Amino acid sequence: MAAVEGKPYGVQSMDEHDDKALSSEQQRKLDQLKIKTRIGDEKYLRSHPEVRLLLQGFVGEVLKQRPENIREFAADYYTNPSLPEKIREQNKVLQATSSKRTANI
């Protein structure tokens, strides 16, 4: 597999194969599916703030500690027995802050 100029190694140009790869109806359906998926993802994330807390906490610790082995660090971070309680506490604070903000509107 030869590298294409201007593209990362292993990425080949598909320009010659992409000429009208999808019909306009297929493209329309694909676009609708993408929008529906994004809306569903957004609804899920809004109803599960712990996902954001998990990711923010992990990224914050990565940036603070800058581990050499990110996979090992991630495994240790996400299997830490105290993580669920930490997330519950952060979620309580988040909900309390959100409630105060809503009450002030």
N, C-alpha and C. Protein backbone atom coordinates (compact mmCIF):
# COMPACT_ATOMS: atom_id res chain seq x y z
N MET A 1 0.85 -1.17 0.00
CA MET A 1 0.00 0.00 0.00
C MET A 1 0.89 1.23 0.00
N ALA A 2 0.86 1.98 -1.04
CA ALA A 2 1.71 3.16 -1.15
C ALA A 2 1.02 4.36 -0.54
N ALA A 3 1.82 5.19 0.09
CA ALA A 3 1.26 6.41 0.69
C ALA A 3 0.90 7.38 -0.42
N VAL A 4 -0.19 8.07 -0.24
CA VAL A 4 -0.62 9.09 -1.18
C VAL A 4 -0.07 10.42 -0.69
N GLU A 5 0.48 11.20 -1.62
CA GLU A 5 1.09 12.47 -1.23
C GLU A 5 0.08 13.33 -0.48
N GLY A 6 0.52 13.85 0.67
CA GLY A 6 -0.34 14.70 1.48
C GLY A 6 -1.27 13.95 2.41
N LYS A 7 -1.23 12.63 2.38
CA LYS A 7 -2.09 11.82 3.24
C LYS A 7 -1.20 10.98 4.16
N PRO A 8 -1.69 10.65 5.35
CA PRO A 8 -0.90 9.79 6.25
C PRO A 8 -0.63 8.44 5.61
N TYR A 9 0.45 7.79 6.06
CA TYR A 9 0.80 6.48 5.55
C TYR A 9 -0.38 5.52 5.69
N GLY A 10 -0.65 4.78 4.68
CA GLY A 10 -1.73 3.80 4.73
C GLY A 10 -3.07 4.33 4.27
N VAL A 11 -3.16 5.62 4.01
CA VAL A 11 -4.41 6.21 3.55
C VAL A 11 -4.30 6.39 2.04
N GLN A 12 -5.20 5.76 1.34
CA GLN A 12 -5.18 5.86 -0.11
C GLN A 12 -6.29 6.78 -0.57
N SER A 13 -6.07 7.41 -1.68
CA SER A 13 -7.09 8.27 -2.25
C SER A 13 -8.20 7.41 -2.82
N MET A 14 -9.42 7.80 -2.56
CA MET A 14 -10.57 7.08 -3.11
C MET A 14 -11.26 7.92 -4.18
N ASP A 15 -10.63 9.02 -4.58
CA ASP A 15 -11.26 9.95 -5.51
C ASP A 15 -11.75 9.25 -6.78
N GLU A 16 -10.94 8.37 -7.32
CA GLU A 16 -11.35 7.71 -8.56
C GLU A 16 -12.51 6.74 -8.34
N HIS A 17 -12.73 6.30 -7.11
CA HIS A 17 -13.80 5.36 -6.81
C HIS A 17 -15.05 6.06 -6.27
N ASP A 18 -14.92 7.31 -5.88
CA ASP A 18 -16.02 8.01 -5.21
C ASP A 18 -16.97 8.72 -6.16
N ASP A 19 -16.70 8.69 -7.43
CA ASP A 19 -17.57 9.38 -8.37
C ASP A 19 -18.97 8.81 -8.29
N LYS A 20 -19.84 9.57 -7.65
CA LYS A 20 -21.25 9.18 -7.49
C LYS A 20 -21.37 7.82 -6.81
N ALA A 21 -20.60 7.64 -5.73
CA ALA A 21 -20.64 6.38 -4.98
C ALA A 21 -22.02 6.13 -4.40
N LEU A 22 -22.70 7.20 -4.01
CA LEU A 22 -24.05 7.09 -3.48
C LEU A 22 -25.00 7.86 -4.39
N SER A 23 -26.17 7.32 -4.57
CA SER A 23 -27.18 8.07 -5.31
C SER A 23 -27.65 9.22 -4.42
N SER A 24 -28.34 10.17 -4.99
CA SER A 24 -28.81 11.30 -4.18
C SER A 24 -29.77 10.82 -3.09
N GLU A 25 -30.56 9.80 -3.36
CA GLU A 25 -31.47 9.24 -2.35
C GLU A 25 -30.69 8.56 -1.23
N GLN A 26 -29.67 7.81 -1.58
CA GLN A 26 -28.82 7.17 -0.57
C GLN A 26 -28.11 8.21 0.28
N GLN A 27 -27.62 9.27 -0.36
CA GLN A 27 -26.94 10.33 0.38
C GLN A 27 -27.90 11.03 1.33
N ARG A 28 -29.14 11.27 0.87
CA ARG A 28 -30.15 11.90 1.71
C ARG A 28 -30.44 11.04 2.93
N LYS A 29 -30.60 9.73 2.71
CA LYS A 29 -30.87 8.81 3.82
C LYS A 29 -29.68 8.74 4.78
N LEU A 30 -28.48 8.74 4.23
CA LEU A 30 -27.28 8.73 5.08
C LEU A 30 -27.21 10.00 5.92
N ASP A 31 -27.49 11.14 5.31
CA ASP A 31 -27.48 12.41 6.04
C ASP A 31 -28.53 12.39 7.15
N GLN A 32 -29.71 11.86 6.88
CA GLN A 32 -30.76 11.77 7.90
C GLN A 32 -30.33 10.85 9.04
N LEU A 33 -29.68 9.74 8.70
CA LEU A 33 -29.20 8.81 9.72
C LEU A 33 -28.14 9.47 10.60
N LYS A 34 -27.25 10.24 9.99
CA LYS A 34 -26.22 10.94 10.75
C LYS A 34 -26.85 11.93 11.73
N ILE A 35 -27.84 12.68 11.26
CA ILE A 35 -28.52 13.65 12.12
C ILE A 35 -29.25 12.94 13.25
N LYS A 36 -29.96 11.87 12.92
CA LYS A 36 -30.70 11.10 13.93
C LYS A 36 -29.74 10.52 14.97
N THR A 37 -28.60 10.02 14.51
CA THR A 37 -27.60 9.45 15.41
C THR A 37 -27.04 10.52 16.33
N ARG A 38 -26.71 11.69 15.79
CA ARG A 38 -26.17 12.77 16.61
C ARG A 38 -27.18 13.23 17.65
N ILE A 39 -28.44 13.32 17.27
CA ILE A 39 -29.48 13.73 18.21
C ILE A 39 -29.61 12.68 19.31
N GLY A 40 -29.61 11.41 18.93
CA GLY A 40 -29.68 10.33 19.92
C GLY A 40 -28.50 10.34 20.86
N ASP A 41 -27.31 10.56 20.31
CA ASP A 41 -26.10 10.63 21.14
C ASP A 41 -26.18 11.79 22.12
N GLU A 42 -26.64 12.95 21.63
CA GLU A 42 -26.76 14.13 22.48
C GLU A 42 -27.76 13.89 23.61
N LYS A 43 -28.88 13.28 23.29
CA LYS A 43 -29.89 12.98 24.33
C LYS A 43 -29.31 12.03 25.37
N TYR A 44 -28.59 11.03 24.91
CA TYR A 44 -27.99 10.08 25.84
C TYR A 44 -27.00 10.77 26.76
N LEU A 45 -26.12 11.58 26.19
CA LEU A 45 -25.11 12.27 26.99
C LEU A 45 -25.74 13.25 27.97
N ARG A 46 -26.82 13.91 27.57
CA ARG A 46 -27.50 14.84 28.49
C ARG A 46 -28.16 14.10 29.64
N SER A 47 -28.63 12.89 29.38
CA SER A 47 -29.29 12.14 30.45
C SER A 47 -28.30 11.31 31.27
N HIS A 48 -27.04 11.28 30.86
CA HIS A 48 -26.00 10.54 31.58
C HIS A 48 -24.77 11.44 31.77
N PRO A 49 -24.87 12.43 32.66
CA PRO A 49 -23.73 13.35 32.85
C PRO A 49 -22.49 12.66 33.37
N GLU A 50 -22.65 11.47 33.92
CA GLU A 50 -21.47 10.75 34.42
C GLU A 50 -20.49 10.40 33.30
N VAL A 51 -20.99 10.28 32.07
CA VAL A 51 -20.09 9.99 30.95
C VAL A 51 -19.12 11.15 30.76
N ARG A 52 -19.66 12.37 30.78
CA ARG A 52 -18.81 13.55 30.64
C ARG A 52 -17.81 13.64 31.80
N LEU A 53 -18.29 13.35 33.01
CA LEU A 53 -17.40 13.40 34.18
C LEU A 53 -16.28 12.38 34.06
N LEU A 54 -16.61 11.18 33.59
CA LEU A 54 -15.58 10.15 33.41
C LEU A 54 -14.52 10.60 32.41
N LEU A 55 -14.96 11.15 31.30
CA LEU A 55 -14.02 11.56 30.27
C LEU A 55 -13.21 12.78 30.70
N GLN A 56 -13.88 13.77 31.31
CA GLN A 56 -13.16 14.96 31.77
C GLN A 56 -12.12 14.59 32.83
N GLY A 57 -12.50 13.72 33.75
CA GLY A 57 -11.56 13.31 34.78
C GLY A 57 -10.36 12.59 34.21
N PHE A 58 -10.62 11.69 33.28
CA PHE A 58 -9.54 10.93 32.66
C PHE A 58 -8.59 11.86 31.89
N VAL A 59 -9.14 12.70 31.04
CA VAL A 59 -8.30 13.60 30.24
C VAL A 59 -7.52 14.54 31.15
N GLY A 60 -8.16 15.05 32.20
CA GLY A 60 -7.47 15.92 33.13
C GLY A 60 -6.29 15.24 33.78
N GLU A 61 -6.48 14.00 34.21
CA GLU A 61 -5.38 13.26 34.84
C GLU A 61 -4.27 12.94 33.84
N VAL A 62 -4.65 12.64 32.61
CA VAL A 62 -3.64 12.38 31.57
C VAL A 62 -2.78 13.63 31.36
N LEU A 63 -3.43 14.78 31.28
CA LEU A 63 -2.68 16.02 31.05
C LEU A 63 -1.82 16.39 32.25
N LYS A 64 -2.28 16.08 33.46
CA LYS A 64 -1.48 16.37 34.66
C LYS A 64 -0.28 15.43 34.76
N GLN A 65 -0.55 14.13 34.59
CA GLN A 65 0.48 13.13 34.84
C GLN A 65 1.32 12.79 33.62
N ARG A 66 0.78 13.01 32.44
CA ARG A 66 1.48 12.70 31.18
C ARG A 66 2.15 11.32 31.20
N PRO A 67 1.35 10.28 31.35
CA PRO A 67 1.92 8.93 31.47
C PRO A 67 2.62 8.48 30.18
N GLU A 68 3.64 7.69 30.36
CA GLU A 68 4.36 7.12 29.21
C GLU A 68 3.50 6.08 28.50
N ASN A 69 2.83 5.25 29.29
CA ASN A 69 2.01 4.18 28.72
C ASN A 69 0.54 4.52 28.95
N ILE A 70 -0.08 5.14 27.95
CA ILE A 70 -1.45 5.63 28.09
C ILE A 70 -2.45 4.48 28.27
N ARG A 71 -2.20 3.35 27.63
CA ARG A 71 -3.13 2.21 27.77
C ARG A 71 -3.12 1.68 29.20
N GLU A 72 -1.95 1.54 29.75
CA GLU A 72 -1.84 1.05 31.13
C GLU A 72 -2.46 2.07 32.09
N PHE A 73 -2.20 3.34 31.84
CA PHE A 73 -2.77 4.40 32.66
C PHE A 73 -4.30 4.36 32.61
N ALA A 74 -4.84 4.21 31.41
CA ALA A 74 -6.30 4.15 31.24
C ALA A 74 -6.88 2.95 31.98
N ALA A 75 -6.23 1.82 31.86
CA ALA A 75 -6.70 0.61 32.55
C ALA A 75 -6.71 0.83 34.06
N ASP A 76 -5.64 1.41 34.57
CA ASP A 76 -5.57 1.69 36.01
C ASP A 76 -6.62 2.72 36.43
N TYR A 77 -6.78 3.76 35.62
CA TYR A 77 -7.73 4.82 35.95
C TYR A 77 -9.16 4.27 36.03
N TYR A 78 -9.56 3.54 35.00
CA TYR A 78 -10.95 3.09 34.92
C TYR A 78 -11.25 1.86 35.78
N THR A 79 -10.24 1.20 36.32
CA THR A 79 -10.48 0.08 37.22
C THR A 79 -10.23 0.44 38.68
N ASN A 80 -9.96 1.71 38.93
CA ASN A 80 -9.74 2.18 40.30
C ASN A 80 -11.04 1.98 41.09
N PRO A 81 -10.99 1.23 42.18
CA PRO A 81 -12.21 0.95 42.95
C PRO A 81 -12.90 2.21 43.50
N SER A 82 -12.17 3.30 43.67
CA SER A 82 -12.78 4.52 44.20
C SER A 82 -13.42 5.39 43.11
N LEU A 83 -13.25 5.03 41.85
CA LEU A 83 -13.78 5.86 40.76
C LEU A 83 -15.31 6.00 40.79
N PRO A 84 -16.07 4.93 40.99
CA PRO A 84 -17.54 5.11 41.01
C PRO A 84 -18.01 6.11 42.06
N GLU A 85 -17.43 6.05 43.24
CA GLU A 85 -17.82 6.99 44.29
C GLU A 85 -17.41 8.42 43.94
N LYS A 86 -16.24 8.57 43.37
CA LYS A 86 -15.76 9.89 42.94
C LYS A 86 -16.72 10.49 41.91
N ILE A 87 -17.16 9.68 40.96
CA ILE A 87 -18.09 10.15 39.93
C ILE A 87 -19.44 10.49 40.54
N ARG A 88 -19.92 9.67 41.47
CA ARG A 88 -21.20 9.97 42.15
C ARG A 88 -21.13 11.32 42.86
N GLU A 89 -20.04 11.57 43.55
CA GLU A 89 -19.88 12.84 44.28
C GLU A 89 -19.83 14.03 43.30
N GLN A 90 -19.07 13.87 42.24
CA GLN A 90 -18.98 14.94 41.24
C GLN A 90 -20.34 15.19 40.59
N ASN A 91 -21.09 14.12 40.36
CA ASN A 91 -22.40 14.24 39.75
C ASN A 91 -23.36 14.99 40.68
N LYS A 92 -23.26 14.72 41.99
CA LYS A 92 -24.10 15.44 42.96
C LYS A 92 -23.80 16.93 42.92
N VAL A 93 -22.51 17.27 42.88
CA VAL A 93 -22.11 18.68 42.81
C VAL A 93 -22.63 19.31 41.52
N LEU A 94 -22.50 18.59 40.43
CA LEU A 94 -22.97 19.09 39.13
C LEU A 94 -24.47 19.33 39.16
N GLN A 95 -25.23 18.40 39.71
CA GLN A 95 -26.68 18.55 39.79
C GLN A 95 -27.07 19.70 40.70
N ALA A 96 -26.38 19.86 41.81
CA ALA A 96 -26.67 20.96 42.73
C ALA A 96 -26.39 22.30 42.06
N THR A 97 -25.29 22.38 41.35
CA THR A 97 -24.93 23.61 40.64
C THR A 97 -25.95 23.91 39.56
N SER A 98 -26.37 22.87 38.85
CA SER A 98 -27.35 23.03 37.78
C SER A 98 -28.70 23.47 38.35
N SER A 99 -29.09 22.92 39.49
CA SER A 99 -30.35 23.30 40.14
C SER A 99 -30.33 24.75 40.57
N LYS A 100 -29.20 25.19 41.13
CA LYS A 100 -29.06 26.59 41.56
C LYS A 100 -29.15 27.52 40.36
N ARG A 101 -28.49 27.13 39.28
CA ARG A 101 -28.50 27.95 38.07
C ARG A 101 -29.91 28.08 37.52
N THR A 102 -30.66 26.96 37.49
CA THR A 102 -32.03 26.96 37.01
C THR A 102 -32.93 27.80 37.90
N ALA A 103 -32.73 27.74 39.20
CA ALA A 103 -33.54 28.51 40.14
C ALA A 103 -33.32 30.01 40.00
N ASN A 104 -32.13 30.41 39.56
CA ASN A 104 -31.81 31.83 39.41
C ASN A 104 -32.30 32.43 38.10
N ILE A 105 -32.82 31.60 37.22
CA ILE A 105 -33.28 32.11 35.91
C ILE A 105 -34.65 32.70 36.02
